[in-house]
Amino acid sequence: MRDLKTFDDLKFKTHTICTGIQAELNFPNGWGVSVVSSGVKSGVGGLCGSVQDGTYELAVLFNGDINSVNPVARGDVRGWLPVDEVSFLMIAVQSFDKDYGTNPPPSWRKQWDYQYRMDNDIED
């Protein structure tokens, strides 16, 4: 069984742009995650997470770049996640096929298109 990475494996540093923390972890399959959280109370600082509240924002990466066309990202970053959900999503990203980064399966594209339409009130 391979060694799956979870929240406990993240090495947080001071965020380079705003008040908060950030960690990035890349996996052998070419995928990875960027996890950030604001150093101030909820809803302040431009990040969708607060260290004080124990919530985090997760972006899915492929070859170091943000990738939003996958079942974890759902077309965007995921915010306000508790630690256990960050770990769960990290494990899911580690199961992705390397080829899906450049050629996502139709089901992923369909899911992202649906989510995009819903988020932007676009009718079929």
PDB file of N, CA and C in Angstrom:
ATOM      1  N   MET A   1       0.840  -1.177   0.000  1.00  0.00           N
ATOM      2  CA  MET A   1       0.000   0.000   0.000  1.00  0.00           C
ATOM      3  C   MET A   1       0.888   1.244   0.000  1.00  0.00           C
ATOM      4  N   ARG A   2       0.522   2.213  -0.828  1.00  0.00           N
ATOM      5  CA  ARG A   2       1.346   3.412  -0.901  1.00  0.00           C
ATOM      6  C   ARG A   2       1.059   4.332   0.278  1.00  0.00           C
ATOM      7  N   ASP A   3       1.996   5.201   0.537  1.00  0.00           N
ATOM      8  CA  ASP A   3       1.905   6.141   1.639  1.00  0.00           C
ATOM      9  C   ASP A   3       1.095   7.358   1.206  1.00  0.00           C
ATOM     10  N   LEU A   4      -0.180   7.402   1.581  1.00  0.00           N
ATOM     11  CA  LEU A   4      -1.045   8.514   1.202  1.00  0.00           C
ATOM     12  C   LEU A   4      -0.799   9.710   2.118  1.00  0.00           C
ATOM     13  N   LYS A   5      -0.716  10.867   1.531  1.00  0.00           N
ATOM     14  CA  LYS A   5      -0.452  12.101   2.271  1.00  0.00           C
ATOM     15  C   LYS A   5      -1.775  12.711   2.744  1.00  0.00           C
ATOM     16  N   THR A   6      -1.738  13.301   3.935  1.00  0.00           N
ATOM     17  CA  THR A   6      -2.908  13.951   4.510  1.00  0.00           C
ATOM     18  C   THR A   6      -2.512  15.332   5.039  1.00  0.00           C
ATOM     19  N   PHE A   7      -3.456  15.999   5.658  1.00  0.00           N
ATOM     20  CA  PHE A   7      -3.223  17.337   6.203  1.00  0.00           C
ATOM     21  C   PHE A   7      -1.954  17.387   7.056  1.00  0.00           C
ATOM     22  N   ASP A   8      -1.713  16.347   7.833  1.00  0.00           N
ATOM     23  CA  ASP A   8      -0.546  16.321   8.731  1.00  0.00           C
ATOM     24  C   ASP A   8       0.781  16.378   7.985  1.00  0.00           C
ATOM     25  N   ASP A   9       0.780  16.071   6.691  1.00  0.00           N
ATOM     26  CA  ASP A   9       2.008  16.105   5.896  1.00  0.00           C
ATOM     27  C   ASP A   9       2.295  17.490   5.305  1.00  0.00           C
ATOM     28  N   LEU A  10       1.355  18.409   5.428  1.00  0.00           N
ATOM     29  CA  LEU A  10       1.546  19.758   4.888  1.00  0.00           C
ATOM     30  C   LEU A  10       2.521  20.539   5.763  1.00  0.00           C
ATOM     31  N   LYS A  11       3.415  21.271   5.132  1.00  0.00           N
ATOM     32  CA  LYS A  11       4.392  22.124   5.824  1.00  0.00           C
ATOM     33  C   LYS A  11       4.027  23.578   5.530  1.00  0.00           C
ATOM     34  N   PHE A  12       3.347  24.202   6.471  1.00  0.00           N
ATOM     35  CA  PHE A  12       2.858  25.563   6.264  1.00  0.00           C
ATOM     36  C   PHE A  12       3.965  26.591   6.457  1.00  0.00           C
ATOM     37  N   LYS A  13       3.882  27.635   5.624  1.00  0.00           N
ATOM     38  CA  LYS A  13       4.777  28.784   5.700  1.00  0.00           C
ATOM     39  C   LYS A  13       3.902  30.030   5.697  1.00  0.00           C
ATOM     40  N   THR A  14       4.513  31.167   5.950  1.00  0.00           N
ATOM     41  CA  THR A  14       3.788  32.425   5.857  1.00  0.00           C
ATOM     42  C   THR A  14       3.350  32.637   4.414  1.00  0.00           C
ATOM     43  N   HIS A  15       2.105  33.036   4.222  1.00  0.00           N
ATOM     44  CA  HIS A  15       1.583  33.282   2.872  1.00  0.00           C
ATOM     45  C   HIS A  15       2.378  34.412   2.229  1.00  0.00           C
ATOM     46  N   THR A  16       2.695  34.286   0.963  1.00  0.00           N
ATOM     47  CA  THR A  16       3.541  35.260   0.286  1.00  0.00           C
ATOM     48  C   THR A  16       2.814  36.534  -0.120  1.00  0.00           C
ATOM     49  N   ILE A  17       1.477  36.520  -0.138  1.00  0.00           N
ATOM     50  CA  ILE A  17       0.740  37.690  -0.619  1.00  0.00           C
ATOM     51  C   ILE A  17      -0.099  38.354   0.482  1.00  0.00           C
ATOM     52  N   CYS A  18      -0.750  37.581   1.314  1.00  0.00           N
ATOM     53  CA  CYS A  18      -1.633  38.179   2.317  1.00  0.00           C
ATOM     54  C   CYS A  18      -1.337  37.576   3.692  1.00  0.00           C
ATOM     55  N   THR A  19      -2.021  38.097   4.689  1.00  0.00           N
ATOM     56  CA  THR A  19      -1.845  37.598   6.046  1.00  0.00           C
ATOM     57  C   THR A  19      -2.445  36.200   6.142  1.00  0.00           C
ATOM     58  N   GLY A  20      -1.610  35.229   6.386  1.00  0.00           N
ATOM     59  CA  GLY A  20      -2.096  33.863   6.487  1.00  0.00           C
ATOM     60  C   GLY A  20      -0.969  32.872   6.298  1.00  0.00           C
ATOM     61  N   ILE A  21      -1.351  31.623   6.046  1.00  0.00           N
ATOM     62  CA  ILE A  21      -0.380  30.545   5.851  1.00  0.00           C
ATOM     63  C   ILE A  21      -0.683  29.819   4.547  1.00  0.00           C
ATOM     64  N   GLN A  22       0.337  29.141   4.020  1.00  0.00           N
ATOM     65  CA  GLN A  22       0.156  28.371   2.790  1.00  0.00           C
ATOM     66  C   GLN A  22       1.084  27.158   2.804  1.00  0.00           C
ATOM     67  N   ALA A  23       0.629  26.104   2.149  1.00  0.00           N
ATOM     68  CA  ALA A  23       1.429  24.895   1.969  1.00  0.00           C
ATOM     69  C   ALA A  23       1.096  24.323   0.602  1.00  0.00           C
ATOM     70  N   GLU A  24       2.091  23.733  -0.028  1.00  0.00           N
ATOM     71  CA  GLU A  24       1.882  23.077  -1.318  1.00  0.00           C
ATOM     72  C   GLU A  24       2.515  21.698  -1.234  1.00  0.00           C
ATOM     73  N   LEU A  25       1.805  20.718  -1.770  1.00  0.00           N
ATOM     74  CA  LEU A  25       2.308  19.348  -1.766  1.00  0.00           C
ATOM     75  C   LEU A  25       1.986  18.720  -3.109  1.00  0.00           C
ATOM     76  N   ASN A  26       3.023  18.241  -3.781  1.00  0.00           N
ATOM     77  CA  ASN A  26       2.854  17.586  -5.077  1.00  0.00           C
ATOM     78  C   ASN A  26       3.016  16.082  -4.907  1.00  0.00           C
ATOM     79  N   PHE A  27       2.212  15.346  -5.670  1.00  0.00           N
ATOM     80  CA  PHE A  27       2.177  13.899  -5.555  1.00  0.00           C
ATOM     81  C   PHE A  27       2.848  13.245  -6.762  1.00  0.00           C
ATOM     82  N   PRO A  28       3.251  11.975  -6.656  1.00  0.00           N
ATOM     83  CA  PRO A  28       3.934  11.282  -7.756  1.00  0.00           C
ATOM     84  C   PRO A  28       3.133  11.209  -9.059  1.00  0.00           C
ATOM     85  N   ASN A  29       1.805  11.350  -8.989  1.00  0.00           N
ATOM     86  CA  ASN A  29       0.981  11.244 -10.199  1.00  0.00           C
ATOM     87  C   ASN A  29       0.913  12.557 -10.986  1.00  0.00           C
ATOM     88  N   GLY A  30       1.699  13.572 -10.583  1.00  0.00           N
ATOM     89  CA  GLY A  30       1.700  14.847 -11.286  1.00  0.00           C
ATOM     90  C   GLY A  30       0.698  15.843 -10.730  1.00  0.00           C
ATOM     91  N   TRP A  31      -0.188  15.381  -9.880  1.00  0.00           N
ATOM     92  CA  TRP A  31      -1.197  16.221  -9.254  1.00  0.00           C
ATOM     93  C   TRP A  31      -0.668  16.723  -7.913  1.00  0.00           C
ATOM     94  N   GLY A  32      -1.325  17.713  -7.360  1.00  0.00           N
ATOM     95  CA  GLY A  32      -0.932  18.231  -6.062  1.00  0.00           C
ATOM     96  C   GLY A  32      -2.021  19.118  -5.499  1.00  0.00           C
ATOM     97  N   VAL A  33      -1.734  19.702  -4.329  1.00  0.00           N
ATOM     98  CA  VAL A  33      -2.672  20.619  -3.697  1.00  0.00           C
ATOM     99  C   VAL A  33      -1.925  21.830  -3.154  1.00  0.00           C
ATOM    100  N   SER A  34      -2.621  22.934  -3.132  1.00  0.00           N
ATOM    101  CA  SER A  34      -2.185  24.132  -2.443  1.00  0.00           C
ATOM    102  C   SER A  34      -3.243  24.398  -1.386  1.00  0.00           C
ATOM    103  N   VAL A  35      -2.822  24.534  -0.143  1.00  0.00           N
ATOM    104  CA  VAL A  35      -3.750  24.749   0.961  1.00  0.00           C
ATOM    105  C   VAL A  35      -3.364  26.057   1.650  1.00  0.00           C
ATOM    106  N   VAL A  36      -4.337  26.941   1.807  1.00  0.00           N
ATOM    107  CA  VAL A  36      -4.093  28.243   2.429  1.00  0.00           C
ATOM    108  C   VAL A  36      -5.152  28.515   3.486  1.00  0.00           C
ATOM    109  N   SER A  37      -4.835  29.441   4.386  1.00  0.00           N
ATOM    110  CA  SER A  37      -5.796  29.879   5.383  1.00  0.00           C
ATOM    111  C   SER A  37      -5.401  31.264   5.866  1.00  0.00           C
ATOM    112  N   SER A  38      -6.389  32.091   6.110  1.00  0.00           N
ATOM    113  CA  SER A  38      -6.161  33.448   6.587  1.00  0.00           C
ATOM    114  C   SER A  38      -5.702  33.420   8.035  1.00  0.00           C
ATOM    115  N   GLY A  39      -4.829  34.347   8.366  1.00  0.00           N
ATOM    116  CA  GLY A  39      -4.361  34.448   9.745  1.00  0.00           C
ATOM    117  C   GLY A  39      -5.285  35.270  10.616  1.00  0.00           C
ATOM    118  N   VAL A  40      -6.359  35.769  10.025  1.00  0.00           N
ATOM    119  CA  VAL A  40      -7.303  36.592  10.779  1.00  0.00           C
ATOM    120  C   VAL A  40      -8.661  35.910  10.803  1.00  0.00           C
ATOM    121  N   LYS A  41      -9.626  36.548  11.443  1.00  0.00           N
ATOM    122  CA  LYS A  41     -10.931  35.903  11.610  1.00  0.00           C
ATOM    123  C   LYS A  41     -11.622  35.640  10.281  1.00  0.00           C
ATOM    124  N   SER A  42     -12.610  34.778  10.306  1.00  0.00           N
ATOM    125  CA  SER A  42     -13.376  34.369   9.129  1.00  0.00           C
ATOM    126  C   SER A  42     -13.877  35.553   8.314  1.00  0.00           C
ATOM    127  N   GLY A  43     -13.744  35.425   6.995  1.00  0.00           N
ATOM    128  CA  GLY A  43     -14.280  36.432   6.095  1.00  0.00           C
ATOM    129  C   GLY A  43     -13.392  37.640   5.893  1.00  0.00           C
ATOM    130  N   VAL A  44     -12.195  37.648   6.474  1.00  0.00           N
ATOM    131  CA  VAL A  44     -11.275  38.771   6.343  1.00  0.00           C
ATOM    132  C   VAL A  44      -9.981  38.259   5.718  1.00  0.00           C
ATOM    133  N   GLY A  45      -9.420  39.000   4.783  1.00  0.00           N
ATOM    134  CA  GLY A  45      -8.113  38.657   4.253  1.00  0.00           C
ATOM    135  C   GLY A  45      -8.122  38.051   2.867  1.00  0.00           C
ATOM    136  N   GLY A  46      -9.277  37.818   2.271  1.00  0.00           N
ATOM    137  CA  GLY A  46      -9.345  37.352   0.894  1.00  0.00           C
ATOM    138  C   GLY A  46      -9.169  35.864   0.686  1.00  0.00           C
ATOM    139  N   LEU A  47      -8.981  35.094   1.738  1.00  0.00           N
ATOM    140  CA  LEU A  47      -8.855  33.640   1.615  1.00  0.00           C
ATOM    141  C   LEU A  47     -10.105  32.980   2.180  1.00  0.00           C
ATOM    142  N   CYS A  48     -10.462  31.839   1.607  1.00  0.00           N
ATOM    143  CA  CYS A  48     -11.663  31.114   2.037  1.00  0.00           C
ATOM    144  C   CYS A  48     -11.326  30.098   3.113  1.00  0.00           C
ATOM    145  N   GLY A  49     -10.799  30.604   4.203  1.00  0.00           N
ATOM    146  CA  GLY A  49     -10.446  29.786   5.345  1.00  0.00           C
ATOM    147  C   GLY A  49      -9.862  30.664   6.428  1.00  0.00           C
ATOM    148  N   SER A  50      -9.935  30.227   7.663  1.00  0.00           N
ATOM    149  CA  SER A  50      -9.412  30.992   8.783  1.00  0.00           C
ATOM    150  C   SER A  50      -8.722  30.044   9.757  1.00  0.00           C
ATOM    151  N   VAL A  51      -7.449  30.317  10.051  1.00  0.00           N
ATOM    152  CA  VAL A  51      -6.715  29.500  11.012  1.00  0.00           C
ATOM    153  C   VAL A  51      -7.446  29.501  12.351  1.00  0.00           C
ATOM    154  N   GLN A  52      -7.957  30.667  12.728  1.00  0.00           N
ATOM    155  CA  GLN A  52      -8.662  30.782  14.012  1.00  0.00           C
ATOM    156  C   GLN A  52      -9.887  29.879  14.070  1.00  0.00           C
ATOM    157  N   ASP A  53     -10.545  29.687  12.922  1.00  0.00           N
ATOM    158  CA  ASP A  53     -11.738  28.838  12.866  1.00  0.00           C
ATOM    159  C   ASP A  53     -11.418  27.386  12.502  1.00  0.00           C
ATOM    160  N   GLY A  54     -10.143  27.115  12.174  1.00  0.00           N
ATOM    161  CA  GLY A  54      -9.760  25.761  11.780  1.00  0.00           C
ATOM    162  C   GLY A  54     -10.245  25.368  10.407  1.00  0.00           C
ATOM    163  N   THR A  55     -10.387  26.367   9.503  1.00  0.00           N
ATOM    164  CA  THR A  55     -10.845  26.092   8.139  1.00  0.00           C
ATOM    165  C   THR A  55      -9.782  26.501   7.128  1.00  0.00           C
ATOM    166  N   TYR A  56      -9.826  25.851   5.956  1.00  0.00           N
ATOM    167  CA  TYR A  56      -8.791  26.018   4.947  1.00  0.00           C
ATOM    168  C   TYR A  56      -9.390  26.071   3.547  1.00  0.00           C
ATOM    169  N   GLU A  57      -8.634  26.646   2.629  1.00  0.00           N
ATOM    170  CA  GLU A  57      -8.985  26.683   1.209  1.00  0.00           C
ATOM    171  C   GLU A  57      -8.023  25.754   0.473  1.00  0.00           C
ATOM    172  N   LEU A  58      -8.549  24.934  -0.422  1.00  0.00           N
ATOM    173  CA  LEU A  58      -7.735  23.969  -1.156  1.00  0.00           C
ATOM    174  C   LEU A  58      -7.883  24.203  -2.654  1.00  0.00           C
ATOM    175  N   ALA A  59      -6.751  24.304  -3.340  1.00  0.00           N
ATOM    176  CA  ALA A  59      -6.725  24.355  -4.804  1.00  0.00           C
ATOM    177  C   ALA A  59      -6.043  23.088  -5.293  1.00  0.00           C
ATOM    178  N   VAL A  60      -6.566  22.507  -6.364  1.00  0.00           N
ATOM    179  CA  VAL A  60      -5.957  21.324  -6.972  1.00  0.00           C
ATOM    180  C   VAL A  60      -4.949  21.793  -8.009  1.00  0.00           C
ATOM    181  N   LEU A  61      -3.785  21.159  -8.011  1.00  0.00           N
ATOM    182  CA  LEU A  61      -2.719  21.490  -8.951  1.00  0.00           C
ATOM    183  C   LEU A  61      -2.445  20.321  -9.883  1.00  0.00           C
ATOM    184  N   PHE A  62      -2.034  20.645 -11.098  1.00  0.00           N
ATOM    185  CA  PHE A  62      -1.485  19.630 -12.002  1.00  0.00           C
ATOM    186  C   PHE A  62      -0.206  20.208 -12.582  1.00  0.00           C
ATOM    187  N   ASN A  63       0.889  19.500 -12.394  1.00  0.00           N
ATOM    188  CA  ASN A  63       2.219  19.965 -12.797  1.00  0.00           C
ATOM    189  C   ASN A  63       2.495  21.376 -12.290  1.00  0.00           C
ATOM    190  N   GLY A  64       2.058  21.656 -11.059  1.00  0.00           N
ATOM    191  CA  GLY A  64       2.337  22.924 -10.403  1.00  0.00           C
ATOM    192  C   GLY A  64       1.386  24.061 -10.703  1.00  0.00           C
ATOM    193  N   ASP A  65       0.445  23.870 -11.627  1.00  0.00           N
ATOM    194  CA  ASP A  65      -0.513  24.911 -11.975  1.00  0.00           C
ATOM    195  C   ASP A  65      -1.904  24.538 -11.475  1.00  0.00           C
ATOM    196  N   ILE A  66      -2.695  25.547 -11.131  1.00  0.00           N
ATOM    197  CA  ILE A  66      -4.065  25.280 -10.685  1.00  0.00           C
ATOM    198  C   ILE A  66      -4.843  24.599 -11.804  1.00  0.00           C
ATOM    199  N   ASN A  67      -5.557  23.542 -11.441  1.00  0.00           N
ATOM    200  CA  ASN A  67      -6.393  22.792 -12.375  1.00  0.00           C
ATOM    201  C   ASN A  67      -7.786  22.707 -11.764  1.00  0.00           C
ATOM    202  N   SER A  68      -8.763  23.285 -12.458  1.00  0.00           N
ATOM    203  CA  SER A  68     -10.124  23.326 -11.921  1.00  0.00           C
ATOM    204  C   SER A  68     -11.070  22.311 -12.539  1.00  0.00           C
ATOM    205  N   VAL A  69     -10.604  21.579 -13.564  1.00  0.00           N
ATOM    206  CA  VAL A  69     -11.475  20.621 -14.251  1.00  0.00           C
ATOM    207  C   VAL A  69     -11.233  19.233 -13.678  1.00  0.00           C
ATOM    208  N   ASN A  70     -11.757  19.013 -12.477  1.00  0.00           N
ATOM    209  CA  ASN A  70     -11.642  17.716 -11.822  1.00  0.00           C
ATOM    210  C   ASN A  70     -12.710  17.640 -10.732  1.00  0.00           C
ATOM    211  N   PRO A  71     -13.029  16.450 -10.272  1.00  0.00           N
ATOM    212  CA  PRO A  71     -14.131  16.294  -9.312  1.00  0.00           C
ATOM    213  C   PRO A  71     -13.881  16.935  -7.950  1.00  0.00           C
ATOM    214  N   VAL A  72     -12.634  17.123  -7.571  1.00  0.00           N
ATOM    215  CA  VAL A  72     -12.355  17.748  -6.281  1.00  0.00           C
ATOM    216  C   VAL A  72     -12.545  19.253  -6.366  1.00  0.00           C
ATOM    217  N   ALA A  73     -12.000  19.872  -7.404  1.00  0.00           N
ATOM    218  CA  ALA A  73     -12.080  21.328  -7.534  1.00  0.00           C
ATOM    219  C   ALA A  73     -13.485  21.805  -7.866  1.00  0.00           C
ATOM    220  N   ARG A  74     -14.203  21.034  -8.677  1.00  0.00           N
ATOM    221  CA  ARG A  74     -15.554  21.421  -9.102  1.00  0.00           C
ATOM    222  C   ARG A  74     -15.562  22.791  -9.784  1.00  0.00           C
ATOM    223  N   GLY A  75     -14.519  23.091 -10.534  1.00  0.00           N
ATOM    224  CA  GLY A  75     -14.473  24.330 -11.292  1.00  0.00           C
ATOM    225  C   GLY A  75     -13.848  25.506 -10.567  1.00  0.00           C
ATOM    226  N   ASP A  76     -13.365  25.322  -9.342  1.00  0.00           N
ATOM    227  CA  ASP A  76     -12.805  26.431  -8.579  1.00  0.00           C
ATOM    228  C   ASP A  76     -12.007  25.871  -7.406  1.00  0.00           C
ATOM    229  N   VAL A  77     -11.525  26.763  -6.541  1.00  0.00           N
ATOM    230  CA  VAL A  77     -10.918  26.304  -5.301  1.00  0.00           C
ATOM    231  C   VAL A  77     -12.046  25.916  -4.347  1.00  0.00           C
ATOM    232  N   ARG A  78     -11.725  25.117  -3.356  1.00  0.00           N
ATOM    233  CA  ARG A  78     -12.714  24.714  -2.346  1.00  0.00           C
ATOM    234  C   ARG A  78     -12.373  25.431  -1.046  1.00  0.00           C
ATOM    235  N   GLY A  79     -13.342  26.102  -0.482  1.00  0.00           N
ATOM    236  CA  GLY A  79     -13.080  26.893   0.712  1.00  0.00           C
ATOM    237  C   GLY A  79     -13.828  26.443   1.938  1.00  0.00           C
ATOM    238  N   TRP A  80     -13.392  26.993   3.069  1.00  0.00           N
ATOM    239  CA  TRP A  80     -13.999  26.779   4.383  1.00  0.00           C
ATOM    240  C   TRP A  80     -14.038  25.302   4.768  1.00  0.00           C
ATOM    241  N   LEU A  81     -12.954  24.598   4.464  1.00  0.00           N
ATOM    242  CA  LEU A  81     -12.873  23.157   4.719  1.00  0.00           C
ATOM    243  C   LEU A  81     -12.238  22.877   6.076  1.00  0.00           C
ATOM    244  N   PRO A  82     -12.827  21.990   6.873  1.00  0.00           N
ATOM    245  CA  PRO A  82     -12.154  21.554   8.099  1.00  0.00           C
ATOM    246  C   PRO A  82     -11.000  20.614   7.747  1.00  0.00           C
ATOM    247  N   VAL A  83     -10.122  20.399   8.705  1.00  0.00           N
ATOM    248  CA  VAL A  83      -8.922  19.585   8.493  1.00  0.00           C
ATOM    249  C   VAL A  83      -9.241  18.214   7.920  1.00  0.00           C
ATOM    250  N   ASP A  84     -10.250  17.525   8.445  1.00  0.00           N
ATOM    251  CA  ASP A  84     -10.542  16.175   7.971  1.00  0.00           C
ATOM    252  C   ASP A  84     -10.988  16.171   6.507  1.00  0.00           C
ATOM    253  N   GLU A  85     -11.692  17.215   6.069  1.00  0.00           N
ATOM    254  CA  GLU A  85     -12.112  17.274   4.672  1.00  0.00           C
ATOM    255  C   GLU A  85     -10.931  17.589   3.759  1.00  0.00           C
ATOM    256  N   VAL A  86      -9.996  18.415   4.231  1.00  0.00           N
ATOM    257  CA  VAL A  86      -8.770  18.664   3.455  1.00  0.00           C
ATOM    258  C   VAL A  86      -8.044  17.340   3.233  1.00  0.00           C
ATOM    259  N   SER A  87      -7.903  16.548   4.282  1.00  0.00           N
ATOM    260  CA  SER A  87      -7.241  15.236   4.154  1.00  0.00           C
ATOM    261  C   SER A  87      -7.975  14.331   3.175  1.00  0.00           C
ATOM    262  N   PHE A  88      -9.294  14.277   3.281  1.00  0.00           N
ATOM    263  CA  PHE A  88     -10.103  13.444   2.391  1.00  0.00           C
ATOM    264  C   PHE A  88      -9.891  13.850   0.931  1.00  0.00           C
ATOM    265  N   LEU A  89      -9.916  15.165   0.658  1.00  0.00           N
ATOM    266  CA  LEU A  89      -9.739  15.638  -0.716  1.00  0.00           C
ATOM    267  C   LEU A  89      -8.308  15.404  -1.209  1.00  0.00           C
ATOM    268  N   MET A  90      -7.338  15.524  -0.316  1.00  0.00           N
ATOM    269  CA  MET A  90      -5.952  15.227  -0.699  1.00  0.00           C
ATOM    270  C   MET A  90      -5.815  13.770  -1.144  1.00  0.00           C
ATOM    271  N   ILE A  91      -6.440  12.865  -0.426  1.00  0.00           N
ATOM    272  CA  ILE A  91      -6.394  11.447  -0.791  1.00  0.00           C
ATOM    273  C   ILE A  91      -7.058  11.225  -2.142  1.00  0.00           C
ATOM    274  N   ALA A  92      -8.169  11.914  -2.390  1.00  0.00           N
ATOM    275  CA  ALA A  92      -8.848  11.794  -3.685  1.00  0.00           C
ATOM    276  C   ALA A  92      -7.933  12.258  -4.822  1.00  0.00           C
ATOM    277  N   VAL A  93      -7.240  13.372  -4.638  1.00  0.00           N
ATOM    278  CA  VAL A  93      -6.340  13.895  -5.677  1.00  0.00           C
ATOM    279  C   VAL A  93      -5.213  12.899  -5.971  1.00  0.00           C
ATOM    280  N   GLN A  94      -4.755  12.210  -4.962  1.00  0.00           N
ATOM    281  CA  GLN A  94      -3.684  11.230  -5.162  1.00  0.00           C
ATOM    282  C   GLN A  94      -4.135  10.032  -5.985  1.00  0.00           C
ATOM    283  N   SER A  95      -5.449   9.853  -6.122  1.00  0.00           N
ATOM    284  CA  SER A  95      -5.962   8.732  -6.917  1.00  0.00           C
ATOM    285  C   SER A  95      -6.153   9.096  -8.386  1.00  0.00           C
ATOM    286  N   PHE A  96      -6.004  10.375  -8.747  1.00  0.00           N
ATOM    287  CA  PHE A  96      -6.211  10.796 -10.129  1.00  0.00           C
ATOM    288  C   PHE A  96      -5.167  10.187 -11.058  1.00  0.00           C
ATOM    289  N   ASP A  97      -5.585   9.849 -12.253  1.00  0.00           N
ATOM    290  CA  ASP A  97      -4.691   9.361 -13.298  1.00  0.00           C
ATOM    291  C   ASP A  97      -3.865  10.525 -13.821  1.00  0.00           C
ATOM    292  N   LYS A  98      -2.576  10.305 -14.029  1.00  0.00           N
ATOM    293  CA  LYS A  98      -1.690  11.367 -14.520  1.00  0.00           C
ATOM    294  C   LYS A  98      -2.174  11.937 -15.857  1.00  0.00           C
ATOM    295  N   ASP A  99      -2.689  11.105 -16.733  1.00  0.00           N
ATOM    296  CA  ASP A  99      -3.135  11.563 -18.053  1.00  0.00           C
ATOM    297  C   ASP A  99      -4.333  12.504 -17.986  1.00  0.00           C
ATOM    298  N   TYR A 100      -5.083  12.473 -16.892  1.00  0.00           N
ATOM    299  CA  TYR A 100      -6.275  13.306 -16.793  1.00  0.00           C
ATOM    300  C   TYR A 100      -5.939  14.792 -16.676  1.00  0.00           C
ATOM    301  N   GLY A 101      -4.714  15.129 -16.336  1.00  0.00           N
ATOM    302  CA  GLY A 101      -4.332  16.530 -16.226  1.00  0.00           C
ATOM    303  C   GLY A 101      -4.366  17.256 -17.549  1.00  0.00           C
ATOM    304  N   THR A 102      -4.015  16.563 -18.617  1.00  0.00           N
ATOM    305  CA  THR A 102      -4.021  17.172 -19.946  1.00  0.00           C
ATOM    306  C   THR A 102      -5.195  16.705 -20.788  1.00  0.00           C
ATOM    307  N   ASN A 103      -5.822  15.607 -20.398  1.00  0.00           N
ATOM    308  CA  ASN A 103      -6.952  15.078 -21.151  1.00  0.00           C
ATOM    309  C   ASN A 103      -7.993  14.516 -20.176  1.00  0.00           C
ATOM    310  N   PRO A 104      -8.756  15.419 -19.514  1.00  0.00           N
ATOM    311  CA  PRO A 104      -9.730  14.923 -18.540  1.00  0.00           C
ATOM    312  C   PRO A 104     -10.815  14.094 -19.193  1.00  0.00           C
ATOM    313  N   PRO A 105     -11.295  13.081 -18.496  1.00  0.00           N
ATOM    314  CA  PRO A 105     -12.364  12.259 -19.062  1.00  0.00           C
ATOM    315  C   PRO A 105     -13.628  13.091 -19.265  1.00  0.00           C
ATOM    316  N   PRO A 106     -14.476  12.693 -20.203  1.00  0.00           N
ATOM    317  CA  PRO A 106     -15.707  13.452 -20.476  1.00  0.00           C
ATOM    318  C   PRO A 106     -16.566  13.682 -19.240  1.00  0.00           C
ATOM    319  N   SER A 107     -16.595  12.725 -18.328  1.00  0.00           N
ATOM    320  CA  SER A 107     -17.426  12.888 -17.132  1.00  0.00           C
ATOM    321  C   SER A 107     -16.949  14.072 -16.289  1.00  0.00           C
ATOM    322  N   TRP A 108     -15.633  14.304 -16.253  1.00  0.00           N
ATOM    323  CA  TRP A 108     -15.102  15.439 -15.507  1.00  0.00           C
ATOM    324  C   TRP A 108     -15.520  16.734 -16.178  1.00  0.00           C
ATOM    325  N   ARG A 109     -15.384  16.791 -17.510  1.00  0.00           N
ATOM    326  CA  ARG A 109     -15.753  18.014 -18.233  1.00  0.00           C
ATOM    327  C   ARG A 109     -17.239  18.297 -18.073  1.00  0.00           C
ATOM    328  N   LYS A 110     -18.051  17.243 -18.158  1.00  0.00           N
ATOM    329  CA  LYS A 110     -19.497  17.413 -18.025  1.00  0.00           C
ATOM    330  C   LYS A 110     -19.834  17.947 -16.635  1.00  0.00           C
ATOM    331  N   GLN A 111     -19.203  17.408 -15.610  1.00  0.00           N
ATOM    332  CA  GLN A 111     -19.456  17.858 -14.245  1.00  0.00           C
ATOM    333  C   GLN A 111     -19.043  19.319 -14.079  1.00  0.00           C
ATOM    334  N   TRP A 112     -17.886  19.684 -14.606  1.00  0.00           N
ATOM    335  CA  TRP A 112     -17.417  21.064 -14.478  1.00  0.00           C
ATOM    336  C   TRP A 112     -18.340  21.999 -15.234  1.00  0.00           C
ATOM    337  N   ASP A 113     -18.747  21.622 -16.451  1.00  0.00           N
ATOM    338  CA  ASP A 113     -19.649  22.458 -17.237  1.00  0.00           C
ATOM    339  C   ASP A 113     -20.971  22.679 -16.492  1.00  0.00           C
ATOM    340  N   TYR A 114     -21.491  21.615 -15.880  1.00  0.00           N
ATOM    341  CA  TYR A 114     -22.744  21.719 -15.130  1.00  0.00           C
ATOM    342  C   TYR A 114     -22.564  22.677 -13.953  1.00  0.00           C
ATOM    343  N   GLN A 115     -21.479  22.499 -13.199  1.00  0.00           N
ATOM    344  CA  GLN A 115     -21.235  23.361 -12.040  1.00  0.00           C
ATOM    345  C   GLN A 115     -21.073  24.811 -12.470  1.00  0.00           C
ATOM    346  N   TYR A 116     -20.362  25.051 -13.581  1.00  0.00           N
ATOM    347  CA  TYR A 116     -20.169  26.405 -14.090  1.00  0.00           C
ATOM    348  C   TYR A 116     -21.517  27.041 -14.457  1.00  0.00           C
ATOM    349  N   ARG A 117     -22.367  26.277 -15.114  1.00  0.00           N
ATOM    350  CA  ARG A 117     -23.680  26.796 -15.492  1.00  0.00           C
ATOM    351  C   ARG A 117     -24.518  27.122 -14.252  1.00  0.00           C
ATOM    352  N   MET A 118     -24.475  26.258 -13.251  1.00  0.00           N
ATOM    353  CA  MET A 118     -25.237  26.492 -12.033  1.00  0.00           C
ATOM    354  C   MET A 118     -24.725  27.731 -11.295  1.00  0.00           C
ATOM    355  N   ASP A 119     -23.400  27.843 -11.165  1.00  0.00           N
ATOM    356  CA  ASP A 119     -22.807  28.967 -10.439  1.00  0.00           C
ATOM    357  C   ASP A 119     -23.068  30.301 -11.127  1.00  0.00           C
ATOM    358  N   ASN A 120     -23.264  30.277 -12.448  1.00  0.00           N
ATOM    359  CA  ASN A 120     -23.425  31.503 -13.203  1.00  0.00           C
ATOM    360  C   ASN A 120     -24.838  31.680 -13.763  1.00  0.00           C
ATOM    361  N   ASP A 121     -25.791  30.900 -13.236  1.00  0.00           N
ATOM    362  CA  ASP A 121     -27.193  30.996 -13.645  1.00  0.00           C
ATOM    363  C   ASP A 121     -27.376  30.946 -15.166  1.00  0.00           C
ATOM    364  N   ILE A 122     -26.700  29.998 -15.802  1.00  0.00           N
ATOM    365  CA  ILE A 122     -26.803  29.811 -17.248  1.00  0.00           C
ATOM    366  C   ILE A 122     -27.718  28.622 -17.505  1.00  0.00           C
ATOM    367  N   GLU A 123     -28.745  28.830 -18.309  1.00  0.00           N
ATOM    368  CA  GLU A 123     -29.663  27.744 -18.635  1.00  0.00           C
ATOM    369  C   GLU A 123     -29.164  26.960 -19.838  1.00  0.00           C
ATOM    370  N   ASP A 124     -29.582  25.702 -19.923  1.00  0.00           N
ATOM    371  CA  ASP A 124     -29.207  24.853 -21.069  1.00  0.00           C
ATOM    372  C   ASP A 124     -29.783  25.390 -22.353  1.00  0.00           C
TER     373      ASP A 124
END
